[in-house]
Amino acid sequence: MSRIAEVIVLALGNSWEVMEPLLEHDDERSWKGRFVPVPSSLGAGTMYSWASEFVRVGSRTGLLKHLESLPWDRPESVQVLIHDEEDDCFGLWMIHDGKLVEIELPRTVRLHDPAPETFEFAPSPGYLVRTDQQGNDWHPEQTPEHLRDPRPAW
């Protein structure tokens, strides 16, 4: 399934050394792609962000698990911003207890479709929706958690 997504990784500490292997394609990884450094206006030594773009849902499967497994010396500083083409804004993931988890943003909700009948295709990450863009009486319809796809989308 084609569904473009942008991913930005921000981190401090030894982040350059940690991210350097992810600047090249590697067929051994579960996710396909590579990151590029986001240049800083302050010059070398101040770059703490990297960006990537994914054009297919399946090409990003396992990305968050891979990022959380890296040897960050400041894991509390790691932030992953993800914008899927259907999202109203970027979502934020941070490392909590060793896992990258989505941080709930004010005035947003991630909507999920019901799980597919088969697991033939990669799981959907849902849609991050701004709740303040509709009328005051708008309440999104959410799929109950037990009816969602249990597989991680990222």
Protein backbone atom coordinates (compact mmCIF):
# COMPACT_ATOMS: atom_id res chain seq x y z
CA MET A 1 0.00 0.00 0.00
CA SER A 2 1.34 3.44 -0.91
CA ARG A 3 1.13 5.94 1.90
CA ILE A 4 3.88 8.55 2.21
CA ALA A 5 5.22 9.41 5.66
CA GLU A 6 7.94 11.73 6.91
CA VAL A 7 10.00 10.87 9.99
CA ILE A 8 12.30 13.20 11.94
CA VAL A 9 14.55 11.95 14.73
CA LEU A 10 15.87 14.41 17.33
CA ALA A 11 18.38 13.38 19.99
CA LEU A 12 21.27 14.68 22.10
CA GLY A 13 24.43 13.07 23.45
CA ASN A 14 26.05 10.40 21.28
CA SER A 15 23.28 10.67 18.71
CA TRP A 16 25.59 11.31 15.75
CA GLU A 17 27.42 8.01 16.34
CA VAL A 18 24.14 6.17 16.94
CA MET A 19 22.47 7.51 13.79
CA GLU A 20 25.47 7.25 11.47
CA PRO A 21 24.75 3.62 10.40
CA LEU A 22 21.19 4.65 9.53
CA LEU A 23 22.47 7.10 6.90
CA GLU A 24 23.00 4.17 4.51
CA HIS A 25 20.56 1.62 3.11
CA ASP A 26 20.81 -1.77 4.79
CA ASP A 27 18.86 -4.73 3.41
CA GLU A 28 19.27 -6.53 6.77
CA ARG A 29 16.95 -4.09 8.57
CA SER A 30 13.22 -4.78 8.79
CA TRP A 31 12.50 -1.24 7.56
CA LYS A 32 13.75 0.06 4.22
CA GLY A 33 15.27 3.45 3.74
CA ARG A 34 17.84 5.75 5.24
CA PHE A 35 18.04 8.99 7.16
CA VAL A 36 19.78 12.21 6.16
CA PRO A 37 21.13 14.76 8.63
CA VAL A 38 19.17 17.99 8.92
CA PRO A 39 21.81 20.73 8.67
CA SER A 40 22.14 23.26 11.44
CA SER A 41 22.55 26.98 10.85
CA LEU A 42 25.15 26.92 13.64
CA GLY A 43 27.53 24.62 11.76
CA ALA A 44 29.08 21.23 12.34
CA GLY A 45 28.84 19.68 15.77
CA THR A 46 25.36 21.02 16.46
CA MET A 47 23.35 18.67 14.24
CA TYR A 48 20.98 16.61 16.35
CA SER A 49 18.26 15.80 13.83
CA TRP A 50 17.77 13.42 10.94
CA ALA A 51 14.95 12.99 8.46
CA SER A 52 13.62 10.23 6.24
CA GLU A 53 10.65 9.66 3.99
CA PHE A 54 8.80 6.40 3.43
CA VAL A 55 6.57 5.80 0.42
CA ARG A 56 5.01 2.47 1.42
CA VAL A 57 3.51 1.34 4.70
CA GLY A 58 5.42 -1.95 4.66
CA SER A 59 8.79 -0.22 4.16
CA ARG A 60 8.63 1.30 7.64
CA THR A 61 7.62 -1.75 9.67
CA GLY A 62 10.02 -2.18 12.58
CA LEU A 63 11.45 1.35 12.48
CA LEU A 64 10.44 2.33 16.02
CA LYS A 65 11.62 -0.98 17.48
CA HIS A 66 14.97 -0.47 15.75
CA LEU A 67 15.33 3.12 17.00
CA GLU A 68 14.47 2.18 20.59
CA SER A 69 17.08 -0.62 20.52
CA LEU A 70 19.96 1.73 19.67
CA PRO A 71 22.61 2.56 22.34
CA TRP A 72 21.53 6.12 23.11
CA ASP A 73 23.48 7.62 26.00
CA ARG A 74 20.63 10.13 26.50
CA PRO A 75 17.48 8.13 25.69
CA GLU A 76 15.36 10.73 27.50
CA SER A 77 16.29 13.21 24.75
CA VAL A 78 15.16 11.01 21.83
CA GLN A 79 12.09 12.35 20.06
CA VAL A 80 10.62 10.91 16.88
CA LEU A 81 8.20 13.04 14.88
CA ILE A 82 6.04 11.17 12.36
CA HIS A 83 3.68 12.65 9.79
CA ASP A 84 1.70 10.14 7.76
CA GLU A 85 0.01 11.56 4.67
CA GLU A 86 -3.43 11.23 6.26
CA ASP A 87 -2.41 12.93 9.54
CA ASP A 88 -3.39 16.50 10.37
CA CYS A 89 -0.04 17.11 12.11
CA PHE A 90 3.15 15.37 13.23
CA GLY A 91 2.84 12.86 16.04
CA LEU A 92 5.46 12.62 18.79
CA TRP A 93 7.10 9.44 20.12
CA MET A 94 9.53 9.39 23.05
CA ILE A 95 11.40 6.65 24.90
CA HIS A 96 9.62 5.69 28.13
CA ASP A 97 10.84 2.64 30.05
CA GLY A 98 12.98 1.61 27.06
CA LYS A 99 10.15 1.75 24.51
CA LEU A 100 9.21 4.40 21.97
CA VAL A 101 5.64 5.35 22.78
CA GLU A 102 3.36 7.90 21.23
CA ILE A 103 2.86 10.96 23.41
CA GLU A 104 -0.69 12.23 23.42
CA LEU A 105 -0.77 15.78 22.09
CA PRO A 106 -3.39 18.28 23.22
CA ARG A 107 -6.35 18.61 20.87
CA THR A 108 -5.44 15.51 18.85
CA VAL A 109 -6.63 11.92 18.71
CA ARG A 110 -5.28 8.95 16.74
CA LEU A 111 -8.18 7.19 15.05
CA HIS A 112 -7.89 3.51 14.14
CA ASP A 113 -9.84 1.45 11.64
CA PRO A 114 -11.00 -2.02 12.65
CA ALA A 115 -8.43 -4.78 12.13
CA PRO A 116 -8.41 -6.33 8.65
CA GLU A 117 -9.81 -9.81 8.16
CA THR A 118 -6.36 -11.10 7.17
CA PHE A 119 -2.86 -9.89 7.96
CA GLU A 120 -1.83 -9.98 4.28
CA PHE A 121 -0.79 -6.31 4.34
CA ALA A 122 1.24 -4.20 6.77
CA PRO A 123 -0.76 -2.75 9.69
CA SER A 124 -2.16 0.76 9.47
CA PRO A 125 -0.86 3.37 11.94
CA GLY A 126 -4.27 5.05 12.09
CA TYR A 127 -4.82 8.76 11.52
CA LEU A 128 -3.77 11.62 13.79
CA VAL A 129 -6.65 14.10 13.77
CA ARG A 130 -6.83 17.60 15.23
CA THR A 131 -10.01 17.77 17.28
CA ASP A 132 -10.13 21.58 17.30
CA GLN A 133 -10.58 21.88 13.52
CA GLN A 134 -14.24 20.85 13.51
CA GLY A 135 -17.24 22.33 15.29
CA ASN A 136 -17.27 22.28 19.08
CA ASP A 137 -19.72 19.38 19.06
CA TRP A 138 -17.52 17.14 16.86
CA HIS A 139 -16.45 13.89 18.53
CA PRO A 140 -14.49 11.41 16.41
CA GLU A 141 -15.71 7.82 16.27
CA GLN A 142 -12.98 5.55 17.60
CA THR A 143 -12.65 1.81 17.00
CA PRO A 144 -12.57 0.02 20.37
CA GLU A 145 -9.06 -1.20 21.21
CA HIS A 146 -10.01 -4.89 21.15
CA LEU A 147 -11.16 -4.54 17.50
CA ARG A 148 -7.95 -2.83 16.27
CA ASP A 149 -5.01 -4.48 14.52
CA PRO A 150 -2.67 -5.60 17.35
CA ARG A 151 0.47 -5.46 15.18
CA PRO A 152 2.72 -2.39 15.51
CA ALA A 153 2.50 -0.18 12.43
CA TRP A 154 5.94 1.31 12.88
